[in-house]
Structure formats: C-alpha cells, structure tokens
Amino acid sequence: MRALSSLEVSGTEQKVCEDISARQQFGLRKYGVSVEQNKLSLRQWLQHAYEETLDQAVYLKRAIDEIDK
C-alpha cells in the first residue's frame, strides 16, 4: 500500500468533494448560474442558508425518531 502525498484527497474527503461537484452541476442545470454569478444580496444568501438549516433539523429529527422506534 503506497503512502498518500499531502495533496491527495481520498476516502471520506474524496466522497465529499465528489458530492460538492455533483451539487454544483445540479445547481448549474437548475439555475443556469454558479453561486459566484448569482446576484442575491447577503441577506438573501443568509435567508437561504437559514431555511436549509431548518430543513436539516427536520431531517435529523426524522432520522433520530426512526432510530428510536
């Protein structure tokens, strides 16, 4: 087994990078612009992040309830 160089990404980190890339492609197809190109205000970006955080809390609670059954 060879040693990983300090610049290689593997394992879990690689999977996260792949997920980010897939999400970026999805967003480009859906919205036609990148996040960088999107002209939302800072307030609008924060609102989106807040709403996604609320969704995440719901998903986490649902998963916890499923485990506790």
PDB file of N, CA and C in Angstrom:
ATOM      1  N   MET A   1       0.844  -1.175   0.000  1.00  0.00           N
ATOM      2  CA  MET A   1       0.000   0.000   0.000  1.00  0.00           C
ATOM      3  C   MET A   1       0.890   1.239   0.000  1.00  0.00           C
ATOM      4  N   ARG A   2       0.657   2.143  -0.910  1.00  0.00           N
ATOM      5  CA  ARG A   2       1.501   3.332  -1.007  1.00  0.00           C
ATOM      6  C   ARG A   2       1.010   4.422  -0.070  1.00  0.00           C
ATOM      7  N   ALA A   3       1.921   5.250   0.352  1.00  0.00           N
ATOM      8  CA  ALA A   3       1.572   6.373   1.230  1.00  0.00           C
ATOM      9  C   ALA A   3       0.936   7.484   0.415  1.00  0.00           C
ATOM     10  N   LEU A   4      -0.027   8.163   1.000  1.00  0.00           N
ATOM     11  CA  LEU A   4      -0.683   9.284   0.328  1.00  0.00           C
ATOM     12  C   LEU A   4       0.184  10.527   0.457  1.00  0.00           C
ATOM     13  N   SER A   5       0.309  11.266  -0.623  1.00  0.00           N
ATOM     14  CA  SER A   5       1.012  12.548  -0.514  1.00  0.00           C
ATOM     15  C   SER A   5       0.123  13.522   0.232  1.00  0.00           C
ATOM     16  N   SER A   6       0.700  14.601   0.705  1.00  0.00           N
ATOM     17  CA  SER A   6      -0.073  15.563   1.485  1.00  0.00           C
ATOM     18  C   SER A   6      -1.119  16.285   0.642  1.00  0.00           C
ATOM     19  N   LEU A   7      -1.060  16.156  -0.682  1.00  0.00           N
ATOM     20  CA  LEU A   7      -2.009  16.864  -1.545  1.00  0.00           C
ATOM     21  C   LEU A   7      -3.118  15.969  -2.077  1.00  0.00           C
ATOM     22  N   GLU A   8      -3.060  14.680  -1.804  1.00  0.00           N
ATOM     23  CA  GLU A   8      -4.085  13.768  -2.292  1.00  0.00           C
ATOM     24  C   GLU A   8      -5.304  13.775  -1.380  1.00  0.00           C
ATOM     25  N   VAL A   9      -6.453  13.686  -1.987  1.00  0.00           N
ATOM     26  CA  VAL A   9      -7.701  13.572  -1.238  1.00  0.00           C
ATOM     27  C   VAL A   9      -8.213  12.159  -1.454  1.00  0.00           C
ATOM     28  N   SER A  10      -8.613  11.511  -0.369  1.00  0.00           N
ATOM     29  CA  SER A  10      -9.111  10.143  -0.507  1.00  0.00           C
ATOM     30  C   SER A  10     -10.179   9.874   0.549  1.00  0.00           C
ATOM     31  N   GLY A  11     -10.765   8.725   0.471  1.00  0.00           N
ATOM     32  CA  GLY A  11     -11.735   8.295   1.471  1.00  0.00           C
ATOM     33  C   GLY A  11     -12.921   9.237   1.596  1.00  0.00           C
ATOM     34  N   THR A  12     -13.263   9.526   2.818  1.00  0.00           N
ATOM     35  CA  THR A  12     -14.423  10.362   3.106  1.00  0.00           C
ATOM     36  C   THR A  12     -14.291  11.738   2.466  1.00  0.00           C
ATOM     37  N   GLU A  13     -13.101  12.319   2.561  1.00  0.00           N
ATOM     38  CA  GLU A  13     -12.889  13.647   1.984  1.00  0.00           C
ATOM     39  C   GLU A  13     -13.137  13.640   0.477  1.00  0.00           C
ATOM     40  N   GLN A  14     -12.679  12.595  -0.199  1.00  0.00           N
ATOM     41  CA  GLN A  14     -12.900  12.487  -1.640  1.00  0.00           C
ATOM     42  C   GLN A  14     -14.388  12.385  -1.946  1.00  0.00           C
ATOM     43  N   LYS A  15     -15.101  11.614  -1.146  1.00  0.00           N
ATOM     44  CA  LYS A  15     -16.549  11.483  -1.354  1.00  0.00           C
ATOM     45  C   LYS A  15     -17.250  12.831  -1.197  1.00  0.00           C
ATOM     46  N   VAL A  16     -16.828  13.618  -0.203  1.00  0.00           N
ATOM     47  CA  VAL A  16     -17.419  14.949  -0.010  1.00  0.00           C
ATOM     48  C   VAL A  16     -17.114  15.822  -1.219  1.00  0.00           C
ATOM     49  N   CYS A  17     -15.892  15.775  -1.717  1.00  0.00           N
ATOM     50  CA  CYS A  17     -15.532  16.560  -2.902  1.00  0.00           C
ATOM     51  C   CYS A  17     -16.385  16.159  -4.100  1.00  0.00           C
ATOM     52  N   GLU A  18     -16.616  14.882  -4.272  1.00  0.00           N
ATOM     53  CA  GLU A  18     -17.460  14.398  -5.368  1.00  0.00           C
ATOM     54  C   GLU A  18     -18.897  14.868  -5.200  1.00  0.00           C
ATOM     55  N   ASP A  19     -19.395  14.858  -3.968  1.00  0.00           N
ATOM     56  CA  ASP A  19     -20.754  15.344  -3.703  1.00  0.00           C
ATOM     57  C   ASP A  19     -20.862  16.838  -4.017  1.00  0.00           C
ATOM     58  N   ILE A  20     -19.849  17.604  -3.652  1.00  0.00           N
ATOM     59  CA  ILE A  20     -19.850  19.041  -3.946  1.00  0.00           C
ATOM     60  C   ILE A  20     -19.878  19.269  -5.449  1.00  0.00           C
ATOM     61  N   SER A  21     -19.074  18.517  -6.179  1.00  0.00           N
ATOM     62  CA  SER A  21     -19.043  18.658  -7.634  1.00  0.00           C
ATOM     63  C   SER A  21     -20.401  18.313  -8.251  1.00  0.00           C
ATOM     64  N   ALA A  22     -21.006  17.239  -7.777  1.00  0.00           N
ATOM     65  CA  ALA A  22     -22.327  16.838  -8.291  1.00  0.00           C
ATOM     66  C   ALA A  22     -23.368  17.900  -7.971  1.00  0.00           C
ATOM     67  N   ARG A  23     -23.303  18.461  -6.767  1.00  0.00           N
ATOM     68  CA  ARG A  23     -24.242  19.515  -6.361  1.00  0.00           C
ATOM     69  C   ARG A  23     -24.070  20.755  -7.225  1.00  0.00           C
ATOM     70  N   GLN A  24     -22.811  21.084  -7.525  1.00  0.00           N
ATOM     71  CA  GLN A  24     -22.525  22.238  -8.378  1.00  0.00           C
ATOM     72  C   GLN A  24     -23.144  22.035  -9.760  1.00  0.00           C
ATOM     73  N   GLN A  25     -22.977  20.856 -10.328  1.00  0.00           N
ATOM     74  CA  GLN A  25     -23.545  20.572 -11.645  1.00  0.00           C
ATOM     75  C   GLN A  25     -25.069  20.650 -11.607  1.00  0.00           C
ATOM     76  N   PHE A  26     -25.677  20.104 -10.554  1.00  0.00           N
ATOM     77  CA  PHE A  26     -27.126  20.172 -10.392  1.00  0.00           C
ATOM     78  C   PHE A  26     -27.584  21.630 -10.349  1.00  0.00           C
ATOM     79  N   GLY A  27     -26.911  22.444  -9.539  1.00  0.00           N
ATOM     80  CA  GLY A  27     -27.275  23.854  -9.418  1.00  0.00           C
ATOM     81  C   GLY A  27     -27.131  24.609 -10.723  1.00  0.00           C
ATOM     82  N   LEU A  28     -26.078  24.315 -11.456  1.00  0.00           N
ATOM     83  CA  LEU A  28     -25.884  24.977 -12.758  1.00  0.00           C
ATOM     84  C   LEU A  28     -27.011  24.613 -13.721  1.00  0.00           C
ATOM     85  N   ARG A  29     -27.409  23.339 -13.722  1.00  0.00           N
ATOM     86  CA  ARG A  29     -28.522  22.923 -14.589  1.00  0.00           C
ATOM     87  C   ARG A  29     -29.830  23.563 -14.138  1.00  0.00           C
ATOM     88  N   LYS A  30     -30.056  23.608 -12.841  1.00  0.00           N
ATOM     89  CA  LYS A  30     -31.327  24.114 -12.310  1.00  0.00           C
ATOM     90  C   LYS A  30     -31.443  25.629 -12.438  1.00  0.00           C
ATOM     91  N   TYR A  31     -30.374  26.358 -12.088  1.00  0.00           N
ATOM     92  CA  TYR A  31     -30.455  27.818 -12.016  1.00  0.00           C
ATOM     93  C   TYR A  31     -29.759  28.536 -13.164  1.00  0.00           C
ATOM     94  N   GLY A  32     -28.900  27.830 -13.891  1.00  0.00           N
ATOM     95  CA  GLY A  32     -28.231  28.432 -15.041  1.00  0.00           C
ATOM     96  C   GLY A  32     -27.060  29.331 -14.698  1.00  0.00           C
ATOM     97  N   VAL A  33     -26.758  29.490 -13.416  1.00  0.00           N
ATOM     98  CA  VAL A  33     -25.617  30.298 -12.987  1.00  0.00           C
ATOM     99  C   VAL A  33     -24.963  29.625 -11.788  1.00  0.00           C
ATOM    100  N   SER A  34     -23.690  29.948 -11.575  1.00  0.00           N
ATOM    101  CA  SER A  34     -22.986  29.438 -10.404  1.00  0.00           C
ATOM    102  C   SER A  34     -23.353  30.284  -9.191  1.00  0.00           C
ATOM    103  N   VAL A  35     -22.999  29.820  -8.018  1.00  0.00           N
ATOM    104  CA  VAL A  35     -23.215  30.604  -6.796  1.00  0.00           C
ATOM    105  C   VAL A  35     -22.491  31.937  -6.920  1.00  0.00           C
ATOM    106  N   GLU A  36     -21.278  31.897  -7.426  1.00  0.00           N
ATOM    107  CA  GLU A  36     -20.499  33.132  -7.579  1.00  0.00           C
ATOM    108  C   GLU A  36     -21.197  34.133  -8.502  1.00  0.00           C
ATOM    109  N   GLN A  37     -21.851  33.629  -9.543  1.00  0.00           N
ATOM    110  CA  GLN A  37     -22.517  34.503 -10.515  1.00  0.00           C
ATOM    111  C   GLN A  37     -23.888  34.975 -10.037  1.00  0.00           C
ATOM    112  N   ASN A  38     -24.443  34.311  -9.026  1.00  0.00           N
ATOM    113  CA  ASN A  38     -25.773  34.642  -8.543  1.00  0.00           C
ATOM    114  C   ASN A  38     -25.731  35.987  -7.821  1.00  0.00           C
ATOM    115  N   LYS A  39     -26.626  36.861  -8.158  1.00  0.00           N
ATOM    116  CA  LYS A  39     -26.610  38.234  -7.651  1.00  0.00           C
ATOM    117  C   LYS A  39     -27.488  38.455  -6.419  1.00  0.00           C
ATOM    118  N   LEU A  40     -27.754  37.396  -5.656  1.00  0.00           N
ATOM    119  CA  LEU A  40     -28.529  37.578  -4.442  1.00  0.00           C
ATOM    120  C   LEU A  40     -27.782  38.489  -3.469  1.00  0.00           C
ATOM    121  N   SER A  41     -28.534  39.187  -2.650  1.00  0.00           N
ATOM    122  CA  SER A  41     -27.924  40.020  -1.615  1.00  0.00           C
ATOM    123  C   SER A  41     -27.417  39.128  -0.485  1.00  0.00           C
ATOM    124  N   LEU A  42     -26.583  39.684   0.361  1.00  0.00           N
ATOM    125  CA  LEU A  42     -26.107  38.928   1.520  1.00  0.00           C
ATOM    126  C   LEU A  42     -27.288  38.461   2.363  1.00  0.00           C
ATOM    127  N   ARG A  43     -28.277  39.319   2.546  1.00  0.00           N
ATOM    128  CA  ARG A  43     -29.476  38.958   3.322  1.00  0.00           C
ATOM    129  C   ARG A  43     -30.185  37.758   2.709  1.00  0.00           C
ATOM    130  N   GLN A  44     -30.297  37.750   1.384  1.00  0.00           N
ATOM    131  CA  GLN A  44     -30.951  36.632   0.698  1.00  0.00           C
ATOM    132  C   GLN A  44     -30.148  35.338   0.861  1.00  0.00           C
ATOM    133  N   TRP A  45     -28.813  35.440   0.774  1.00  0.00           N
ATOM    134  CA  TRP A  45     -27.976  34.249   0.969  1.00  0.00           C
ATOM    135  C   TRP A  45     -28.153  33.710   2.379  1.00  0.00           C
ATOM    136  N   LEU A  46     -28.179  34.605   3.360  1.00  0.00           N
ATOM    137  CA  LEU A  46     -28.358  34.171   4.739  1.00  0.00           C
ATOM    138  C   LEU A  46     -29.732  33.545   4.949  1.00  0.00           C
ATOM    139  N   GLN A  47     -30.765  34.081   4.310  1.00  0.00           N
ATOM    140  CA  GLN A  47     -32.103  33.509   4.418  1.00  0.00           C
ATOM    141  C   GLN A  47     -32.124  32.102   3.840  1.00  0.00           C
ATOM    142  N   HIS A  48     -31.496  31.918   2.673  1.00  0.00           N
ATOM    143  CA  HIS A  48     -31.422  30.574   2.075  1.00  0.00           C
ATOM    144  C   HIS A  48     -30.719  29.601   3.018  1.00  0.00           C
ATOM    145  N   ALA A  49     -29.596  30.021   3.580  1.00  0.00           N
ATOM    146  CA  ALA A  49     -28.844  29.163   4.495  1.00  0.00           C
ATOM    147  C   ALA A  49     -29.673  28.827   5.728  1.00  0.00           C
ATOM    148  N   TYR A  50     -30.368  29.810   6.257  1.00  0.00           N
ATOM    149  CA  TYR A  50     -31.229  29.597   7.423  1.00  0.00           C
ATOM    150  C   TYR A  50     -32.311  28.567   7.109  1.00  0.00           C
ATOM    151  N   GLU A  51     -32.982  28.716   5.970  1.00  0.00           N
ATOM    152  CA  GLU A  51     -34.047  27.792   5.590  1.00  0.00           C
ATOM    153  C   GLU A  51     -33.508  26.380   5.386  1.00  0.00           C
ATOM    154  N   GLU A  52     -32.333  26.265   4.789  1.00  0.00           N
ATOM    155  CA  GLU A  52     -31.738  24.944   4.600  1.00  0.00           C
ATOM    156  C   GLU A  52     -31.348  24.331   5.942  1.00  0.00           C
ATOM    157  N   THR A  53     -30.926  25.157   6.884  1.00  0.00           N
ATOM    158  CA  THR A  53     -30.603  24.671   8.226  1.00  0.00           C
ATOM    159  C   THR A  53     -31.853  24.153   8.925  1.00  0.00           C
ATOM    160  N   LEU A  54     -32.968  24.843   8.760  1.00  0.00           N
ATOM    161  CA  LEU A  54     -34.230  24.361   9.324  1.00  0.00           C
ATOM    162  C   LEU A  54     -34.612  23.019   8.711  1.00  0.00           C
ATOM    163  N   ASP A  55     -34.459  22.887   7.396  1.00  0.00           N
ATOM    164  CA  ASP A  55     -34.739  21.610   6.736  1.00  0.00           C
ATOM    165  C   ASP A  55     -33.844  20.514   7.309  1.00  0.00           C
ATOM    166  N   GLN A  56     -32.577  20.831   7.509  1.00  0.00           N
ATOM    167  CA  GLN A  56     -31.646  19.851   8.052  1.00  0.00           C
ATOM    168  C   GLN A  56     -32.091  19.386   9.435  1.00  0.00           C
ATOM    169  N   ALA A  57     -32.555  20.313  10.269  1.00  0.00           N
ATOM    170  CA  ALA A  57     -33.035  19.946  11.599  1.00  0.00           C
ATOM    171  C   ALA A  57     -34.211  18.974  11.509  1.00  0.00           C
ATOM    172  N   VAL A  58     -35.104  19.209  10.565  1.00  0.00           N
ATOM    173  CA  VAL A  58     -36.246  18.310  10.374  1.00  0.00           C
ATOM    174  C   VAL A  58     -35.768  16.927   9.939  1.00  0.00           C
ATOM    175  N   TYR A  59     -34.829  16.874   8.994  1.00  0.00           N
ATOM    176  CA  TYR A  59     -34.307  15.587   8.518  1.00  0.00           C
ATOM    177  C   TYR A  59     -33.611  14.837   9.649  1.00  0.00           C
ATOM    178  N   LEU A  60     -32.836  15.553  10.451  1.00  0.00           N
ATOM    179  CA  LEU A  60     -32.131  14.916  11.570  1.00  0.00           C
ATOM    180  C   LEU A  60     -33.120  14.368  12.595  1.00  0.00           C
ATOM    181  N   LYS A  61     -34.138  15.150  12.922  1.00  0.00           N
ATOM    182  CA  LYS A  61     -35.143  14.690  13.888  1.00  0.00           C
ATOM    183  C   LYS A  61     -35.874  13.473  13.360  1.00  0.00           C
ATOM    184  N   ARG A  62     -36.197  13.485  12.093  1.00  0.00           N
ATOM    185  CA  ARG A  62     -36.880  12.327  11.472  1.00  0.00           C
ATOM    186  C   ARG A  62     -36.006  11.084  11.568  1.00  0.00           C
ATOM    187  N   ALA A  63     -34.709  11.214  11.304  1.00  0.00           N
ATOM    188  CA  ALA A  63     -33.789  10.082  11.384  1.00  0.00           C
ATOM    189  C   ALA A  63     -33.658   9.588  12.824  1.00  0.00           C
ATOM    190  N   ILE A  64     -33.566  10.514  13.776  1.00  0.00           N
ATOM    191  CA  ILE A  64     -33.476  10.138  15.188  1.00  0.00           C
ATOM    192  C   ILE A  64     -34.732   9.387  15.615  1.00  0.00           C
ATOM    193  N   ASP A  65     -35.898   9.886  15.215  1.00  0.00           N
ATOM    194  CA  ASP A  65     -37.154   9.213  15.549  1.00  0.00           C
ATOM    195  C   ASP A  65     -37.183   7.806  14.959  1.00  0.00           C
ATOM    196  N   GLU A  66     -36.675   7.643  13.746  1.00  0.00           N
ATOM    197  CA  GLU A  66     -36.641   6.333  13.104  1.00  0.00           C
ATOM    198  C   GLU A  66     -35.743   5.384  13.878  1.00  0.00           C
ATOM    199  N   ILE A  67     -34.583   5.842  14.318  1.00  0.00           N
ATOM    200  CA  ILE A  67     -33.670   5.009  15.099  1.00  0.00           C
ATOM    201  C   ILE A  67     -34.294   4.623  16.430  1.00  0.00           C
ATOM    202  N   ASP A  68     -35.024   5.550  17.044  1.00  0.00           N
ATOM    203  CA  ASP A  68     -35.606   5.315  18.363  1.00  0.00           C
ATOM    204  C   ASP A  68     -36.828   4.407  18.347  1.00  0.00           C
ATOM    205  N   LYS A  69     -37.381   4.112  17.182  1.00  0.00           N
ATOM    206  CA  LYS A  69     -38.567   3.231  17.103  1.00  0.00           C
ATOM    207  C   LYS A  69     -38.240   1.844  17.570  1.00  0.00           C
TER     208      LYS A  69
END
